[in-house]
Amino acid sequence: MNESMCESERTQTTKIKPPSWKMASPATSEGKRAVDEGNGPSCDISATPRSDTSETRDHYEYEAFEATQQDKKQTLLGEGGGVFAETPDPATPATTAPPAAAAAAAAGSAENGAHVGGEFAVGSGNNGTLLTPRLEIVDESASAADITAEARTHLAAVDPLLPHLMVVKVVKNERRTFVNIRVKREYLRLIFHQQHGDVFFCFFPDDTLEPFVKIIALHKYNGEIKPIPPELDADLTTSINAFKAHHQISNESYCFQTPSQERICAPALSQTLTTIRTFPPHLYNLSMRVASAMYRHKMPITAALDLPSAQRAIAAARARGSRHEAWHTFNGTLLKSLLQVNHTPDKVPPITVELRSYFLLTLFAVERNGVLYEIHLSDKLEPFAIACAIHPAHGLLVRLTRAQVEDLTAVLGEFKRKYQIVGETYHYTTLEERLKTDEFTRRAGVGVQSKAHSTDFHLKIRVPTLLCRNTLSILHLVDFARMRTDLEPIAYQYSRDTLAWDQVLPLLLQDAHQ
């Protein structure tokens, strides 16, 4: 099916007058555009011929637990076994930012900083020669902060929205130092958007396993608009009505989450906006309560869970006084691998719980013989889905048994049938290479968040670009065709060597244990 069939028609709308939050930008003829971002199955997709799962916010949220996991991995791998592990083309019309707008977008790093080691730190500045415009590192001796700061400038030159949507990381393996580009976790699961001039109103399922949809506004040159000003209320209402009509939503309520994580809800949008605007602007958030069935449909990982039980467990964890106590609330359950626990001492309550970013992009999940086999789309802007295996008590697996390889084979067959994928190929990072990367990380003193590979078992499946764009739907907002050709980290992912199933299966069996 042609990709354009997955998008709604475009209509014209009156341009808004530039308010204080809106910088000067060129007049646009795009007008208003509404798009439903499906999970993939809504489009008839035929295939044409994580790895690295070291996402900064997700892997290492509880250091003591992680250290224990590593000790168990080394023990089991030394015994020849091992079950523990870490969590692992159609083009969008080009939009060229004017020099001033692109420069301002790149200058966002002065506010948001460059993403280094899991935190944002402002780069110290450089002469603009650390990277080529394609994001190839020229000076490997430069600091990660300076490299990522310069990378934001190059991203803005490709598309002005990119510096606001993407995280740039400098990663290393034993062969080279290079740049990775990832979508920020808060923008991963876009399910609907409507464009009004330079503003996109975007809808995202809540990442706390509760049936809410978050609503945000993204400006093409400035990024997220927070708070959404009153002069955009009419466009906001129009976008919400389009979302409701597409999904046949009625009797919804609109909610604001207070700093104490209490949700204040009202049936009228105007009433909730009035409440929101009594709070400081930096606390702005807006969500819509939706039916549980719709939430489950948009968040496929919920198929692996008893959602009410999961919600009760999360509520119990939030009530704990420390991250340690909250974390151990999930002992012996899948939730311990699927969720991350955050602790912010200056908030009340200080504990928040949310899905790890990988599982926001779940495509397929099924349990076989006590192990959950989960397949999610990569967040690295690469045309791969990633298969992993999760044990309820032990977490993600480093190494499969031969029986588990057989189960994985069956699961892959179900996944391919669901998405009508044929002729697919695979990329597999062997256990030996993963352990070499671990050794290099220890020997070179590289932070675990800058590893090129996760220790976990993960099998990458080459999937159609259309499936990627319909799942990682934030790509509809940018010029992805240009990104594929002009940015080396993305072009590299599209050029990676892959193997047919009959070639990759012997490698899986070679790494498996009885």
Protein backbone atom coordinates (compact mmCIF):
# COMPACT_ATOMS: atom_id res chain seq x y z
CA MET A 1 0.00 0.00 0.00
CA ASN A 2 1.30 3.46 -0.82
CA GLU A 3 2.34 5.30 2.30
CA SER A 4 0.19 8.26 1.45
CA MET A 5 -2.84 6.07 2.13
CA CYS A 6 -1.80 6.02 5.79
CA GLU A 7 -2.17 9.81 6.03
CA SER A 8 -5.23 11.98 6.10
CA GLU A 9 -5.80 14.65 3.51
CA ARG A 10 -4.30 18.11 3.83
CA THR A 11 -6.47 21.19 4.15
CA GLN A 12 -5.63 24.84 4.40
CA THR A 13 -5.92 26.83 7.60
CA THR A 14 -5.30 30.44 8.54
CA LYS A 15 -1.81 31.15 9.80
CA ILE A 16 -1.64 32.23 13.43
CA LYS A 17 -0.12 35.59 14.23
CA PRO A 18 3.40 35.16 15.64
CA PRO A 19 3.07 35.29 19.44
CA SER A 20 5.93 35.84 21.86
CA TRP A 21 6.98 32.18 21.86
CA LYS A 22 7.23 31.98 18.06
CA MET A 23 10.42 33.07 16.29
CA ALA A 24 10.38 34.40 12.76
CA SER A 25 10.06 31.59 10.24
CA PRO A 26 9.21 31.37 6.56
CA ALA A 27 5.60 31.31 5.49
CA THR A 28 4.42 27.76 5.00
CA SER A 29 1.95 26.39 2.51
CA GLU A 30 1.53 23.14 4.42
CA GLY A 31 -1.43 24.45 6.38
CA LYS A 32 -3.23 21.93 8.57
CA ARG A 33 -2.42 18.26 8.35
CA ALA A 34 -3.92 15.45 10.40
CA VAL A 35 -2.21 12.09 10.55
CA ASP A 36 -3.11 8.94 12.40
CA GLU A 37 0.07 7.16 13.38
CA GLY A 38 -0.84 3.50 13.28
CA ASN A 39 1.10 0.67 14.86
CA GLY A 40 1.94 -0.75 11.47
CA PRO A 41 -0.73 -3.43 11.05
CA SER A 42 -3.22 -0.81 9.86
CA CYS A 43 -1.19 -0.57 6.67
CA ASP A 44 -0.68 -3.56 4.37
CA ILE A 45 3.09 -3.90 4.55
CA SER A 46 5.23 -6.30 2.54
CA ALA A 47 8.89 -6.53 3.33
CA THR A 48 11.60 -5.54 0.93
CA PRO A 49 14.83 -6.91 1.02
CA ARG A 50 19.04 -3.36 19.34
CA SER A 51 21.71 -4.14 18.77
CA ASP A 52 22.94 -1.50 21.04
CA THR A 53 20.39 -1.08 23.77
CA SER A 54 22.45 1.21 25.98
CA GLU A 55 19.76 3.92 26.21
CA THR A 56 20.96 6.40 28.77
CA ARG A 57 17.88 6.70 30.95
CA ASP A 58 16.82 3.08 30.92
CA HIS A 59 19.60 0.63 31.61
CA TYR A 60 21.29 1.72 34.73
CA GLU A 61 18.59 3.27 36.84
CA TYR A 62 19.39 1.23 39.91
CA GLU A 63 23.12 0.81 40.34
CA ALA A 64 23.17 -1.74 43.15
CA PHE A 65 20.76 -4.03 41.32
CA GLU A 66 22.75 -3.66 38.10
CA ALA A 67 26.00 -4.58 39.88
CA THR A 68 24.32 -7.68 41.27
CA GLN A 69 23.09 -8.59 37.80
CA GLN A 70 26.60 -8.23 36.38
CA ASP A 71 28.05 -10.50 39.07
CA LYS A 72 25.44 -13.15 38.26
CA LYS A 73 26.11 -12.83 34.53
CA GLN A 74 29.80 -13.40 34.95
CA THR A 75 29.21 -16.40 37.21
CA LEU A 76 26.73 -18.01 34.85
CA LEU A 77 28.73 -17.30 31.72
CA GLY A 78 31.76 -18.82 33.38
CA GLU A 79 29.76 -22.00 33.91
CA GLY A 80 28.82 -22.16 30.25
CA GLY A 81 25.25 -21.15 30.97
CA GLY A 82 23.70 -17.79 31.59
CA VAL A 83 20.26 -16.34 31.85
CA PHE A 84 20.76 -12.82 33.15
CA ALA A 85 21.13 -9.76 30.95
CA GLU A 86 20.43 -6.11 30.48
CA THR A 87 17.45 -4.76 28.63
CA PRO A 88 18.61 -4.25 25.51
CA ASP A 89 11.08 4.89 2.22
CA PRO A 90 8.84 7.08 1.14
CA ALA A 91 10.06 10.58 1.88
CA THR A 92 8.58 13.36 3.94
CA PRO A 93 8.50 16.61 1.93
CA ALA A 94 11.69 18.56 2.53
CA THR A 95 11.51 21.61 4.75
CA THR A 96 14.46 23.98 4.72
CA ALA A 97 14.89 26.28 7.68
CA PRO A 98 16.10 29.82 7.10
CA PRO A 99 19.65 30.38 8.39
CA ALA A 100 18.44 32.35 11.39
CA ALA A 101 15.88 29.73 12.40
CA ALA A 102 18.31 26.86 11.93
CA ALA A 103 20.92 28.65 13.99
CA ALA A 104 18.41 29.32 16.73
CA ALA A 105 17.34 25.67 16.74
CA ALA A 106 20.94 24.59 17.06
CA ALA A 107 21.46 27.13 19.80
CA GLY A 108 18.89 25.18 21.82
CA SER A 109 21.90 23.35 23.22
CA ALA A 110 22.59 26.45 25.26
CA GLU A 111 19.31 25.78 27.05
CA ASN A 112 19.03 22.02 26.85
CA GLY A 113 22.71 21.20 26.67
CA ALA A 114 24.46 18.37 24.89
CA HIS A 115 23.50 14.85 25.88
CA VAL A 116 26.47 13.18 27.52
CA GLY A 117 26.58 10.22 29.86
CA GLY A 118 22.86 10.23 30.57
CA GLU A 119 22.70 13.91 31.48
CA PHE A 120 22.62 17.21 29.61
CA ALA A 121 25.78 19.29 29.85
CA VAL A 122 26.48 22.43 27.89
CA GLY A 123 29.43 22.00 25.53
CA SER A 124 32.47 24.21 26.04
CA GLY A 125 32.47 25.34 22.42
CA ASN A 126 34.69 24.48 19.47
CA ASN A 127 35.66 25.80 16.08
CA GLY A 128 33.16 23.66 14.19
CA THR A 129 35.65 21.11 12.88
CA LEU A 130 35.04 18.16 15.20
CA LEU A 131 32.47 16.60 12.86
CA THR A 132 31.74 16.57 9.17
CA PRO A 133 28.24 17.79 8.21
CA ARG A 134 27.37 14.07 7.91
CA LEU A 135 28.21 13.61 11.64
CA GLU A 136 31.43 11.69 11.04
CA ILE A 137 33.89 12.36 13.86
CA VAL A 138 37.03 14.16 12.70
CA ASP A 139 38.75 14.68 16.06
CA GLU A 140 38.35 11.67 18.37
CA SER A 141 40.29 13.48 21.10
CA ALA A 142 37.51 16.05 21.48
CA SER A 143 35.17 15.83 24.44
CA ALA A 144 31.80 14.15 24.03
CA ALA A 145 30.16 17.42 25.14
CA ASP A 146 31.80 19.40 22.32
CA ILE A 147 31.03 16.72 19.72
CA THR A 148 27.37 16.51 20.66
CA ALA A 149 27.02 20.30 20.80
CA GLU A 150 28.39 20.60 17.25
CA ALA A 151 26.21 17.70 16.11
CA ARG A 152 23.10 19.65 17.09
CA THR A 153 24.13 22.42 14.69
CA HIS A 154 24.49 19.93 11.84
CA LEU A 155 21.12 18.36 12.68
CA ALA A 156 19.44 21.76 12.50
CA ALA A 157 20.90 22.26 9.02
CA VAL A 158 19.18 19.04 7.87
CA ASP A 159 15.85 19.78 9.56
CA PRO A 160 15.21 22.52 12.16
CA LEU A 161 13.09 20.26 14.37
CA LEU A 162 15.78 17.56 14.72
CA PRO A 163 17.81 19.11 17.57
CA HIS A 164 14.62 19.18 19.65
CA LEU A 165 13.58 15.58 18.88
CA MET A 166 16.89 13.73 18.94
CA VAL A 167 19.54 12.73 21.44
CA VAL A 168 23.11 12.59 20.12
CA LYS A 169 25.50 10.20 21.84
CA VAL A 170 29.19 9.48 21.34
CA VAL A 171 29.75 5.72 21.63
CA LYS A 172 32.82 3.53 21.43
CA ASN A 173 33.83 -0.01 20.65
CA GLU A 174 37.23 -1.62 20.16
CA ARG A 175 37.34 -0.46 16.53
CA ARG A 176 36.09 3.12 16.46
CA THR A 177 34.40 6.08 18.11
CA PHE A 178 31.24 7.26 16.42
CA VAL A 179 27.97 9.15 16.83
CA ASN A 180 24.57 7.60 17.45
CA ILE A 181 21.28 9.43 16.96
CA ARG A 182 18.22 8.42 18.97
CA VAL A 183 14.73 9.78 19.38
CA LYS A 184 14.11 11.28 22.82
CA ARG A 185 11.98 8.90 24.85
CA GLU A 186 9.16 11.41 25.35
CA TYR A 187 8.58 11.48 21.57
CA LEU A 188 8.85 7.77 20.81
CA ARG A 189 5.23 6.62 20.65
CA LEU A 190 3.43 9.27 18.61
CA ILE A 191 -0.06 7.99 17.69
CA PHE A 192 -1.63 11.07 16.09
CA HIS A 193 -0.68 14.57 15.05
CA GLN A 194 -2.20 17.56 13.33
CA GLN A 195 -0.24 20.46 11.90
CA HIS A 196 -1.28 24.11 12.10
CA GLY A 197 1.25 26.31 10.37
CA ASP A 198 4.59 25.75 12.11
CA VAL A 199 2.99 23.99 15.10
CA PHE A 200 2.34 20.26 15.43
CA PHE A 201 -0.16 19.08 18.05
CA CYS A 202 0.98 15.59 19.03
CA PHE A 203 -0.66 12.76 20.98
CA PHE A 204 1.33 10.15 22.93
CA PRO A 205 0.12 7.23 25.11
CA ASP A 206 1.14 7.71 28.73
CA ASP A 207 4.27 5.73 29.66
CA THR A 208 3.05 4.81 33.16
CA LEU A 209 0.68 2.01 32.02
CA GLU A 210 -2.36 4.18 32.80
CA PRO A 211 -5.03 4.85 30.11
CA PHE A 212 -4.12 8.43 29.31
CA VAL A 213 -2.89 10.16 26.16
CA LYS A 214 -0.51 13.10 26.57
CA ILE A 215 -1.01 16.14 24.35
CA ILE A 216 1.89 18.43 23.51
CA ALA A 217 2.64 21.16 20.95
CA LEU A 218 5.88 21.14 18.95
CA HIS A 219 7.06 24.20 17.05
CA LYS A 220 9.08 23.47 13.90
CA TYR A 221 11.94 25.74 14.97
CA ASN A 222 11.57 26.09 18.75
CA GLY A 223 10.63 22.56 19.81
CA GLU A 224 8.08 21.89 22.54
CA ILE A 225 5.83 24.80 23.46
CA LYS A 226 5.33 24.72 27.21
CA PRO A 227 2.92 25.98 28.31
CA ILE A 228 0.62 26.05 25.30
CA PRO A 229 -0.50 29.70 25.20
CA PRO A 230 -4.19 30.74 25.08
CA GLU A 231 -3.82 32.02 21.51
CA LEU A 232 -3.34 28.40 20.39
CA ASP A 233 -6.42 27.08 22.20
CA ALA A 234 -8.53 27.10 19.03
CA ASP A 235 -5.97 25.03 17.09
CA LEU A 236 -5.53 22.75 20.11
CA THR A 237 -9.29 22.14 20.25
CA THR A 238 -9.43 21.44 16.51
CA SER A 239 -6.63 18.88 16.83
CA ILE A 240 -8.26 17.18 19.81
CA ASN A 241 -11.57 16.94 17.95
CA ALA A 242 -9.80 15.38 14.96
CA PHE A 243 -8.14 12.85 17.26
CA LYS A 244 -11.48 12.02 18.92
CA ALA A 245 -13.25 11.63 15.58
CA HIS A 246 -10.60 9.32 14.19
CA HIS A 247 -10.66 7.05 17.23
CA GLN A 248 -14.38 7.42 17.93
CA ILE A 249 -13.77 8.76 21.42
CA SER A 250 -16.59 10.16 23.52
CA ASN A 251 -17.14 10.91 27.21
CA GLU A 252 -13.46 11.70 27.58
CA SER A 253 -12.01 13.84 30.34
CA TYR A 254 -9.03 16.19 30.32
CA CYS A 255 -6.44 16.00 33.03
CA PHE A 256 -3.57 17.86 34.65
CA GLN A 257 -1.07 16.01 36.83
CA THR A 258 0.02 18.00 39.86
CA PRO A 259 3.57 17.84 41.25
CA SER A 260 2.28 15.28 43.78
CA GLN A 261 1.23 13.03 40.84
CA GLU A 262 -2.46 13.61 41.53
CA ARG A 263 -4.52 13.94 38.37
CA ILE A 264 -7.10 16.70 38.31
CA CYS A 265 -9.65 15.85 35.61
CA ALA A 266 -12.66 17.62 34.13
CA PRO A 267 -15.05 16.82 31.27
CA ALA A 268 -14.41 20.18 29.58
CA LEU A 269 -11.08 21.10 28.05
CA SER A 270 -11.56 24.78 28.93
CA GLN A 271 -12.02 23.91 32.60
CA THR A 272 -8.81 21.88 32.72
CA LEU A 273 -6.84 24.58 30.89
CA THR A 274 -8.06 27.12 33.44
CA THR A 275 -6.80 24.85 36.24
CA ILE A 276 -3.46 24.28 34.53
CA ARG A 277 -2.84 27.99 34.13
CA THR A 278 -3.07 28.56 37.88
CA PHE A 279 0.17 26.56 38.25
CA PRO A 280 3.69 27.74 37.31
CA PRO A 281 4.37 27.40 33.54
CA HIS A 282 7.13 24.80 33.96
CA LEU A 283 4.59 22.39 35.48
CA TYR A 284 2.36 22.46 32.39
CA ASN A 285 1.04 19.10 31.24
CA LEU A 286 -2.17 18.07 29.54
CA SER A 287 -3.60 14.61 28.99
CA MET A 288 -6.84 12.94 27.96
CA ARG A 289 -8.29 9.89 29.65
CA VAL A 290 -9.19 7.22 27.07
CA ALA A 291 -10.73 3.76 27.16
CA SER A 292 -8.46 0.96 28.40
CA ALA A 293 -9.09 -1.00 25.20
CA MET A 294 -7.75 1.84 23.08
CA TYR A 295 -4.72 2.27 25.35
CA ARG A 296 -3.93 -1.45 25.10
CA HIS A 297 -4.20 -1.30 21.30
CA LYS A 298 -1.74 1.59 21.11
CA MET A 299 0.67 0.03 23.64
CA PRO A 300 1.28 -3.58 22.50
CA ILE A 301 3.54 -4.40 25.48
CA THR A 302 0.38 -4.45 27.62
CA ALA A 303 -0.59 -7.72 25.91
CA ALA A 304 2.07 -9.38 28.07
CA LEU A 305 0.66 -8.01 31.33
CA ASP A 306 -2.31 -8.20 33.64
CA LEU A 307 -2.78 -4.45 33.40
CA PRO A 308 -4.83 -3.91 36.59
CA SER A 309 -2.29 -5.89 38.62
CA ALA A 310 0.56 -3.94 37.04
CA GLN A 311 -1.15 -0.65 37.88
CA ARG A 312 -1.57 -1.73 41.52
CA ALA A 313 2.09 -2.73 41.74
CA ILE A 314 3.19 0.60 40.28
CA ALA A 315 1.00 2.47 42.78
CA ALA A 316 2.58 0.48 45.62
CA ALA A 317 6.08 1.26 44.32
CA ARG A 318 5.34 4.99 44.15
CA ALA A 319 4.36 4.93 47.81
CA ARG A 320 7.79 3.66 48.85
CA GLY A 321 10.27 5.99 50.49
CA SER A 322 13.33 5.10 48.42
CA ARG A 323 14.21 3.84 44.97
CA HIS A 324 15.66 0.70 46.51
CA GLU A 325 12.36 -0.15 48.18
CA ALA A 326 10.34 0.77 45.10
CA TRP A 327 12.55 -1.31 42.82
CA HIS A 328 12.15 -4.44 44.91
CA THR A 329 8.37 -4.11 44.80
CA PHE A 330 8.65 -5.77 41.38
CA ASN A 331 10.81 -8.74 42.43
CA GLY A 332 9.99 -11.95 40.57
CA THR A 333 7.85 -10.26 37.93
CA LEU A 334 8.24 -9.09 34.36
CA LEU A 335 7.69 -5.55 35.59
CA LYS A 336 11.22 -5.47 36.96
CA SER A 337 12.55 -5.71 33.41
CA LEU A 338 9.87 -3.61 31.73
CA LEU A 339 9.88 -0.62 34.08
CA GLN A 340 12.37 1.92 35.35
CA VAL A 341 12.21 3.57 38.74
CA ASN A 342 13.24 7.22 39.06
CA HIS A 343 13.96 9.04 42.30
CA THR A 344 13.73 12.83 42.51
CA PRO A 345 14.30 13.87 46.14
CA ASP A 346 12.85 17.37 45.73
CA LYS A 347 9.49 16.04 44.52
CA VAL A 348 6.61 14.75 46.64
CA PRO A 349 6.32 11.84 46.30
CA PRO A 350 9.94 11.36 45.15
CA ILE A 351 9.34 8.06 43.27
CA THR A 352 8.12 7.86 39.67
CA VAL A 353 7.75 4.68 37.63
CA GLU A 354 7.56 4.45 33.85
CA LEU A 355 8.14 2.01 31.00
CA ARG A 356 11.66 1.62 29.70
CA SER A 357 11.96 3.27 26.33
CA TYR A 358 12.37 0.02 24.36
CA PHE A 359 8.92 -1.14 25.35
CA LEU A 360 7.29 2.06 24.15
CA LEU A 361 8.11 0.75 20.67
CA THR A 362 6.98 -2.85 21.18
CA LEU A 363 5.60 -4.44 18.02
CA PHE A 364 4.96 -7.96 19.31
CA ALA A 365 5.19 -9.82 22.61
CA VAL A 366 4.28 -13.41 23.46
CA GLU A 367 5.08 -15.81 26.30
CA ARG A 368 6.39 -19.31 25.67
CA ASN A 369 7.49 -21.78 28.34
CA GLY A 370 7.88 -19.13 31.02
CA VAL A 371 9.87 -16.65 28.90
CA LEU A 372 8.50 -13.49 27.27
CA TYR A 373 9.75 -12.99 23.72
CA GLU A 374 9.45 -9.30 22.86
CA ILE A 375 10.12 -7.55 19.54
CA HIS A 376 10.44 -3.78 19.45
CA LEU A 377 11.50 -1.21 16.91
CA SER A 378 14.93 0.32 17.37
CA ASP A 379 14.98 3.97 18.47
CA LYS A 380 18.26 4.56 16.59
CA LEU A 381 16.60 5.50 13.29
CA GLU A 382 17.61 2.20 11.74
CA PRO A 383 15.39 -0.20 9.74
CA PHE A 384 15.52 -2.96 12.33
CA ALA A 385 13.23 -4.52 14.88
CA ILE A 386 14.97 -6.12 17.85
CA ALA A 387 14.00 -9.45 19.42
CA CYS A 388 14.91 -10.14 23.03
CA ALA A 389 13.93 -12.68 25.70
CA ILE A 390 12.83 -11.85 29.26
CA HIS A 391 12.57 -14.23 32.22
CA PRO A 392 10.18 -13.04 34.97
CA ALA A 393 12.60 -13.72 37.80
CA HIS A 394 15.95 -13.15 36.10
CA GLY A 395 15.35 -10.36 33.62
CA LEU A 396 16.63 -10.14 30.06
CA LEU A 397 18.72 -13.07 28.94
CA VAL A 398 22.34 -12.91 27.88
CA ARG A 399 22.23 -16.35 26.36
CA LEU A 400 19.42 -18.64 25.17
CA THR A 401 19.09 -22.37 25.51
CA ARG A 402 18.55 -24.47 22.39
CA ALA A 403 14.92 -24.91 23.43
CA GLN A 404 14.57 -21.13 23.70
CA VAL A 405 16.03 -20.72 20.20
CA GLU A 406 13.26 -23.03 18.97
CA ASP A 407 10.66 -20.92 20.78
CA LEU A 408 12.16 -17.75 19.33
CA THR A 409 11.95 -19.26 15.83
CA ALA A 410 8.23 -19.89 16.31
CA VAL A 411 7.67 -16.37 17.69
CA LEU A 412 9.46 -14.81 14.71
CA GLY A 413 7.11 -16.72 12.42
CA GLU A 414 4.08 -15.26 14.25
CA PHE A 415 5.58 -11.77 14.10
CA LYS A 416 6.18 -12.02 10.35
CA ARG A 417 2.65 -13.23 9.71
CA LYS A 418 1.13 -10.41 11.74
CA TYR A 419 3.03 -7.74 9.82
CA GLN A 420 3.01 -9.59 6.48
CA ILE A 421 6.81 -9.54 6.29
CA VAL A 422 8.53 -11.75 3.72
CA GLY A 423 12.12 -12.09 2.56
CA GLU A 424 13.48 -10.55 5.75
CA THR A 425 17.14 -10.72 6.76
CA TYR A 426 18.87 -10.52 10.15
CA HIS A 427 21.83 -9.00 11.94
CA TYR A 428 23.16 -10.77 15.03
CA THR A 429 25.83 -9.64 17.47
CA THR A 430 27.40 -12.84 18.77
CA LEU A 431 28.01 -13.51 22.45
CA GLU A 432 31.76 -13.37 21.81
CA GLU A 433 31.53 -9.87 20.34
CA ARG A 434 29.28 -8.66 23.14
CA LEU A 435 31.75 -9.91 25.75
CA LYS A 436 34.65 -8.32 23.84
CA THR A 437 32.81 -5.02 23.96
CA ASP A 438 32.30 -5.43 27.71
CA GLU A 439 36.02 -6.13 28.15
CA PHE A 440 36.95 -3.12 26.04
CA THR A 441 34.60 -0.96 28.10
CA ARG A 442 36.28 -2.06 31.33
CA ARG A 443 39.83 -1.82 29.96
CA ALA A 444 39.41 1.59 28.30
CA GLY A 445 37.41 3.10 31.12
CA VAL A 446 34.48 3.81 28.82
CA GLY A 447 31.21 4.51 30.61
CA VAL A 448 28.65 1.74 30.28
CA GLN A 449 26.26 4.24 28.72
CA SER A 450 28.70 4.74 25.84
CA LYS A 451 28.99 1.05 24.97
CA ALA A 452 28.44 0.18 21.33
CA HIS A 453 26.67 -3.07 22.25
CA SER A 454 24.50 -4.29 25.07
CA THR A 455 25.48 -7.52 26.82
CA ASP A 456 21.95 -8.83 26.36
CA PHE A 457 20.91 -11.29 23.72
CA HIS A 458 19.34 -9.37 20.87
CA LEU A 459 18.56 -10.34 17.30
CA LYS A 460 17.95 -7.57 14.76
CA ILE A 461 15.37 -8.12 12.02
CA ARG A 462 15.53 -5.98 8.88
CA VAL A 463 12.04 -4.54 8.38
CA PRO A 464 10.50 -2.18 5.80
CA THR A 465 11.07 1.54 6.23
CA LEU A 466 7.30 2.02 6.07
CA LEU A 467 6.88 -0.11 9.20
CA CYS A 468 9.53 2.01 10.92
CA ARG A 469 7.81 5.26 9.97
CA ASN A 470 4.38 4.02 11.00
CA THR A 471 5.68 2.92 14.42
CA LEU A 472 8.29 5.59 15.11
CA SER A 473 5.81 8.09 13.76
CA ILE A 474 7.65 11.21 14.90
CA LEU A 475 9.55 10.71 11.62
CA HIS A 476 6.47 12.04 9.79
CA LEU A 477 7.34 15.47 11.19
CA VAL A 478 10.83 15.68 9.68
CA ASP A 479 12.62 15.18 6.38
CA PHE A 480 13.62 11.57 6.92
CA ALA A 481 14.59 11.01 3.28
CA ARG A 482 17.25 13.69 3.62
CA MET A 483 18.36 12.30 6.96
CA ARG A 484 18.96 8.89 5.36
CA THR A 485 21.28 10.33 2.74
CA ASP A 486 22.91 13.25 4.58
CA LEU A 487 23.61 11.75 8.03
CA GLU A 488 26.24 9.01 8.20
CA PRO A 489 24.93 7.31 11.39
CA ILE A 490 21.61 6.64 9.63
CA ALA A 491 23.10 5.84 6.23
CA TYR A 492 25.38 3.33 7.97
CA GLN A 493 22.45 1.53 9.56
CA TYR A 494 20.80 1.18 6.16
CA SER A 495 23.99 -0.30 4.69
CA ARG A 496 24.71 -2.90 7.38
CA ASP A 497 25.36 -6.47 6.32
CA THR A 498 22.55 -8.87 7.07
CA LEU A 499 22.08 -12.61 6.83
CA ALA A 500 19.29 -14.89 5.73
CA TRP A 501 17.61 -16.96 8.45
CA ASP A 502 19.39 -20.17 7.42
CA GLN A 503 22.70 -18.32 7.90
CA VAL A 504 21.91 -16.67 11.23
CA LEU A 505 20.32 -19.74 12.89
CA PRO A 506 23.67 -21.61 13.19
CA LEU A 507 25.12 -18.57 14.98
CA LEU A 508 22.23 -18.56 17.46
CA LEU A 509 22.68 -22.26 18.11
CA GLN A 510 26.44 -21.84 18.47
CA ASP A 511 25.91 -19.34 21.29
CA ALA A 512 23.12 -21.37 22.92
CA HIS A 513 23.60 -23.77 25.80
CA GLN A 514 21.68 -26.89 26.65
